[in-house]
Amino acid sequence: MELLRSARATLFPADWEEPFGLVMLESLACGTPVVATRRGAVPEVLEDGRTGIIVDDHSELAAAIPEADRIDPAECRRAVEERFSPRVLLASYLRAFRAALEQVPRSAATAPIPYSRIPRA
């Protein structure tokens, strides 16, 4: 943690459609901004200029580090707590589950699942 906390920035050169990127949250939780390419979930996780710098191409990563130096480490930590704390995530999951259940016809939602249709591990 100390290494991450004392870094100028975390480089996140996503080269594929990263579905989430827990590394970004770990960095932000330590107060370290992230410099990342605009792929996958990067634009959803980072707030460009507040918690990190988002670039369009790998060739721009190194040049964006001085820009990341201007980001307040406390703001990185605050953003993680605001958007990704266990309480916030749980509330988001519950809203999503409730919305999904509202789409299911009432009779289907209360019907038991036949044993033969229960997936086996």
C-alpha atoms as a PDB file:
ATOM      1  CA  MET A   1       0.000   0.000   0.000  1.00  0.00           C
ATOM      2  CA  GLU A   2       2.792   2.418   0.812  1.00  0.00           C
ATOM      3  CA  LEU A   3       4.234   2.041  -2.689  1.00  0.00           C
ATOM      4  CA  LEU A   4       0.875   2.818  -4.246  1.00  0.00           C
ATOM      5  CA  ARG A   5       0.184   5.672  -1.819  1.00  0.00           C
ATOM      6  CA  SER A   6       3.519   7.337  -2.607  1.00  0.00           C
ATOM      7  CA  ALA A   7       3.292   6.956  -6.403  1.00  0.00           C
ATOM      8  CA  ARG A   8       2.697   9.995  -8.594  1.00  0.00           C
ATOM      9  CA  ALA A   9       0.057   8.125 -10.552  1.00  0.00           C
ATOM     10  CA  THR A  10      -1.073   4.656 -11.513  1.00  0.00           C
ATOM     11  CA  LEU A  11      -0.823   3.984 -15.226  1.00  0.00           C
ATOM     12  CA  PHE A  12      -3.747   1.925 -16.476  1.00  0.00           C
ATOM     13  CA  PRO A  13      -3.068   1.256 -20.161  1.00  0.00           C
ATOM     14  CA  ALA A  14      -6.216  -0.765 -20.839  1.00  0.00           C
ATOM     15  CA  ASP A  15      -5.914  -2.352 -24.237  1.00  0.00           C
ATOM     16  CA  TRP A  16      -9.263  -4.114 -24.193  1.00  0.00           C
ATOM     17  CA  GLU A  17     -12.796  -3.391 -23.059  1.00  0.00           C
ATOM     18  CA  GLU A  18     -12.012  -3.730 -19.337  1.00  0.00           C
ATOM     19  CA  PRO A  19     -15.323  -4.520 -17.621  1.00  0.00           C
ATOM     20  CA  PHE A  20     -14.488  -2.693 -14.395  1.00  0.00           C
ATOM     21  CA  GLY A  21     -10.895  -2.245 -13.257  1.00  0.00           C
ATOM     22  CA  LEU A  22     -10.558  -2.790  -9.519  1.00  0.00           C
ATOM     23  CA  VAL A  23      -6.942  -1.589  -9.804  1.00  0.00           C
ATOM     24  CA  MET A  24      -8.239   1.925 -10.435  1.00  0.00           C
ATOM     25  CA  LEU A  25     -10.308   1.880  -7.225  1.00  0.00           C
ATOM     26  CA  GLU A  26      -7.395   0.540  -5.193  1.00  0.00           C
ATOM     27  CA  SER A  27      -5.216   3.365  -6.484  1.00  0.00           C
ATOM     28  CA  LEU A  28      -7.820   6.047  -5.810  1.00  0.00           C
ATOM     29  CA  ALA A  29      -8.485   4.674  -2.319  1.00  0.00           C
ATOM     30  CA  CYS A  30      -4.779   5.228  -1.590  1.00  0.00           C
ATOM     31  CA  GLY A  31      -5.039   8.812  -2.869  1.00  0.00           C
ATOM     32  CA  THR A  32      -3.170   8.106  -6.091  1.00  0.00           C
ATOM     33  CA  PRO A  33      -4.683   9.417  -9.330  1.00  0.00           C
ATOM     34  CA  VAL A  34      -4.936   7.151 -12.369  1.00  0.00           C
ATOM     35  CA  VAL A  35      -3.798   7.885 -15.896  1.00  0.00           C
ATOM     36  CA  ALA A  36      -5.673   5.574 -18.240  1.00  0.00           C
ATOM     37  CA  THR A  37      -6.645   4.969 -21.812  1.00  0.00           C
ATOM     38  CA  ARG A  38     -10.297   5.461 -22.719  1.00  0.00           C
ATOM     39  CA  ARG A  39     -11.301   1.792 -22.942  1.00  0.00           C
ATOM     40  CA  GLY A  40     -13.963  -0.275 -21.231  1.00  0.00           C
ATOM     41  CA  ALA A  41     -15.118   1.024 -17.869  1.00  0.00           C
ATOM     42  CA  VAL A  42     -12.402   3.673 -17.535  1.00  0.00           C
ATOM     43  CA  PRO A  43     -14.733   6.625 -18.320  1.00  0.00           C
ATOM     44  CA  GLU A  44     -17.282   5.250 -15.832  1.00  0.00           C
ATOM     45  CA  VAL A  45     -14.770   4.798 -12.992  1.00  0.00           C
ATOM     46  CA  LEU A  46     -12.536   7.842 -13.440  1.00  0.00           C
ATOM     47  CA  GLU A  47     -13.633  11.444 -13.407  1.00  0.00           C
ATOM     48  CA  ASP A  48     -11.274  13.117 -15.851  1.00  0.00           C
ATOM     49  CA  GLY A  49      -9.449  15.924 -14.076  1.00  0.00           C
ATOM     50  CA  ARG A  50     -10.829  15.007 -10.621  1.00  0.00           C
ATOM     51  CA  THR A  51      -9.581  11.461  -9.973  1.00  0.00           C
ATOM     52  CA  GLY A  52      -7.443  10.833 -12.999  1.00  0.00           C
ATOM     53  CA  ILE A  53      -6.564  11.679 -16.542  1.00  0.00           C
ATOM     54  CA  ILE A  54      -8.151   9.842 -19.442  1.00  0.00           C
ATOM     55  CA  VAL A  55      -6.251   9.730 -22.729  1.00  0.00           C
ATOM     56  CA  ASP A  56      -7.249   8.359 -26.111  1.00  0.00           C
ATOM     57  CA  ASP A  57      -4.016   6.595 -27.009  1.00  0.00           C
ATOM     58  CA  HIS A  58      -1.175   4.796 -25.240  1.00  0.00           C
ATOM     59  CA  SER A  59       1.279   7.296 -26.675  1.00  0.00           C
ATOM     60  CA  GLU A  60      -0.328  10.013 -24.498  1.00  0.00           C
ATOM     61  CA  LEU A  61       0.080   8.237 -21.138  1.00  0.00           C
ATOM     62  CA  ALA A  62       3.532   9.539 -20.171  1.00  0.00           C
ATOM     63  CA  ALA A  63       2.733  13.121 -21.154  1.00  0.00           C
ATOM     64  CA  ALA A  64      -0.382  13.054 -18.917  1.00  0.00           C
ATOM     65  CA  ILE A  65       1.547  12.292 -15.709  1.00  0.00           C
ATOM     66  CA  PRO A  66       2.382  15.967 -14.949  1.00  0.00           C
ATOM     67  CA  GLU A  67      -1.324  16.753 -15.378  1.00  0.00           C
ATOM     68  CA  ALA A  68      -2.127  14.030 -12.818  1.00  0.00           C
ATOM     69  CA  ASP A  69       0.252  15.739 -10.361  1.00  0.00           C
ATOM     70  CA  ARG A  70      -2.330  18.528 -10.041  1.00  0.00           C
ATOM     71  CA  ILE A  71      -5.023  16.142  -8.765  1.00  0.00           C
ATOM     72  CA  ASP A  72      -5.687  16.305  -5.023  1.00  0.00           C
ATOM     73  CA  PRO A  73      -5.042  12.906  -3.363  1.00  0.00           C
ATOM     74  CA  ALA A  74      -7.793  13.601  -0.819  1.00  0.00           C
ATOM     75  CA  GLU A  75     -10.222  14.134  -3.691  1.00  0.00           C
ATOM     76  CA  CYS A  76      -9.305  10.707  -5.107  1.00  0.00           C
ATOM     77  CA  ARG A  77     -10.097   9.073  -1.771  1.00  0.00           C
ATOM     78  CA  ARG A  78     -13.293  11.109  -1.335  1.00  0.00           C
ATOM     79  CA  ALA A  79     -14.527  10.084  -4.808  1.00  0.00           C
ATOM     80  CA  VAL A  80     -14.052   6.374  -4.029  1.00  0.00           C
ATOM     81  CA  GLU A  81     -15.994   6.738  -0.789  1.00  0.00           C
ATOM     82  CA  GLU A  82     -18.790   8.667  -2.553  1.00  0.00           C
ATOM     83  CA  ARG A  83     -19.198   6.289  -5.483  1.00  0.00           C
ATOM     84  CA  PHE A  84     -17.808   2.879  -4.526  1.00  0.00           C
ATOM     85  CA  SER A  85     -18.072   2.371  -0.764  1.00  0.00           C
ATOM     86  CA  PRO A  86     -19.756  -0.885   0.325  1.00  0.00           C
ATOM     87  CA  ARG A  87     -22.853   1.075   1.424  1.00  0.00           C
ATOM     88  CA  VAL A  88     -23.155   2.871  -1.929  1.00  0.00           C
ATOM     89  CA  LEU A  89     -22.564  -0.306  -3.949  1.00  0.00           C
ATOM     90  CA  LEU A  90     -25.082  -2.275  -1.906  1.00  0.00           C
ATOM     91  CA  ALA A  91     -27.725   0.400  -2.415  1.00  0.00           C
ATOM     92  CA  SER A  92     -27.008   0.379  -6.161  1.00  0.00           C
ATOM     93  CA  TYR A  93     -27.287  -3.416  -6.353  1.00  0.00           C
ATOM     94  CA  LEU A  94     -30.565  -3.369  -4.430  1.00  0.00           C
ATOM     95  CA  ARG A  95     -32.003  -0.734  -6.799  1.00  0.00           C
ATOM     96  CA  ALA A  96     -30.923  -2.822  -9.804  1.00  0.00           C
ATOM     97  CA  PHE A  97     -32.383  -6.036  -8.351  1.00  0.00           C
ATOM     98  CA  ARG A  98     -35.669  -4.317  -7.496  1.00  0.00           C
ATOM     99  CA  ALA A  99     -35.895  -2.841 -10.990  1.00  0.00           C
ATOM    100  CA  ALA A 100     -35.224  -6.269 -12.516  1.00  0.00           C
ATOM    101  CA  LEU A 101     -37.866  -7.903 -10.322  1.00  0.00           C
ATOM    102  CA  GLU A 102     -40.417  -5.282 -11.349  1.00  0.00           C
ATOM    103  CA  GLN A 103     -39.961  -6.455 -14.943  1.00  0.00           C
ATOM    104  CA  VAL A 104     -40.875 -10.063 -14.080  1.00  0.00           C
ATOM    105  CA  PRO A 105     -44.571 -10.999 -14.174  1.00  0.00           C
ATOM    106  CA  ARG A 106     -45.849 -11.544 -10.638  1.00  0.00           C
ATOM    107  CA  SER A 107     -46.785 -15.194 -11.237  1.00  0.00           C
ATOM    108  CA  ALA A 108     -43.284 -15.986 -12.531  1.00  0.00           C
ATOM    109  CA  ALA A 109     -41.601 -14.171  -9.657  1.00  0.00           C
ATOM    110  CA  THR A 110     -43.329 -16.273  -7.013  1.00  0.00           C
ATOM    111  CA  ALA A 111     -43.331 -19.630  -8.798  1.00  0.00           C
ATOM    112  CA  PRO A 112     -40.862 -22.185  -7.402  1.00  0.00           C
ATOM    113  CA  ILE A 113     -37.965 -23.188  -9.620  1.00  0.00           C
ATOM    114  CA  PRO A 114     -38.214 -26.864 -10.588  1.00  0.00           C
ATOM    115  CA  TYR A 115     -35.327 -28.851  -9.125  1.00  0.00           C
ATOM    116  CA  SER A 116     -34.291 -30.015 -12.602  1.00  0.00           C
ATOM    117  CA  ARG A 117     -33.679 -26.387 -13.673  1.00  0.00           C
ATOM    118  CA  ILE A 118     -31.381 -25.466 -10.758  1.00  0.00           C
ATOM    119  CA  PRO A 119     -27.819 -25.110 -12.149  1.00  0.00           C
ATOM    120  CA  ARG A 120     -25.291 -27.544 -10.762  1.00  0.00           C
ATOM    121  CA  ALA A 121     -21.776 -26.466  -9.860  1.00  0.00           C
END
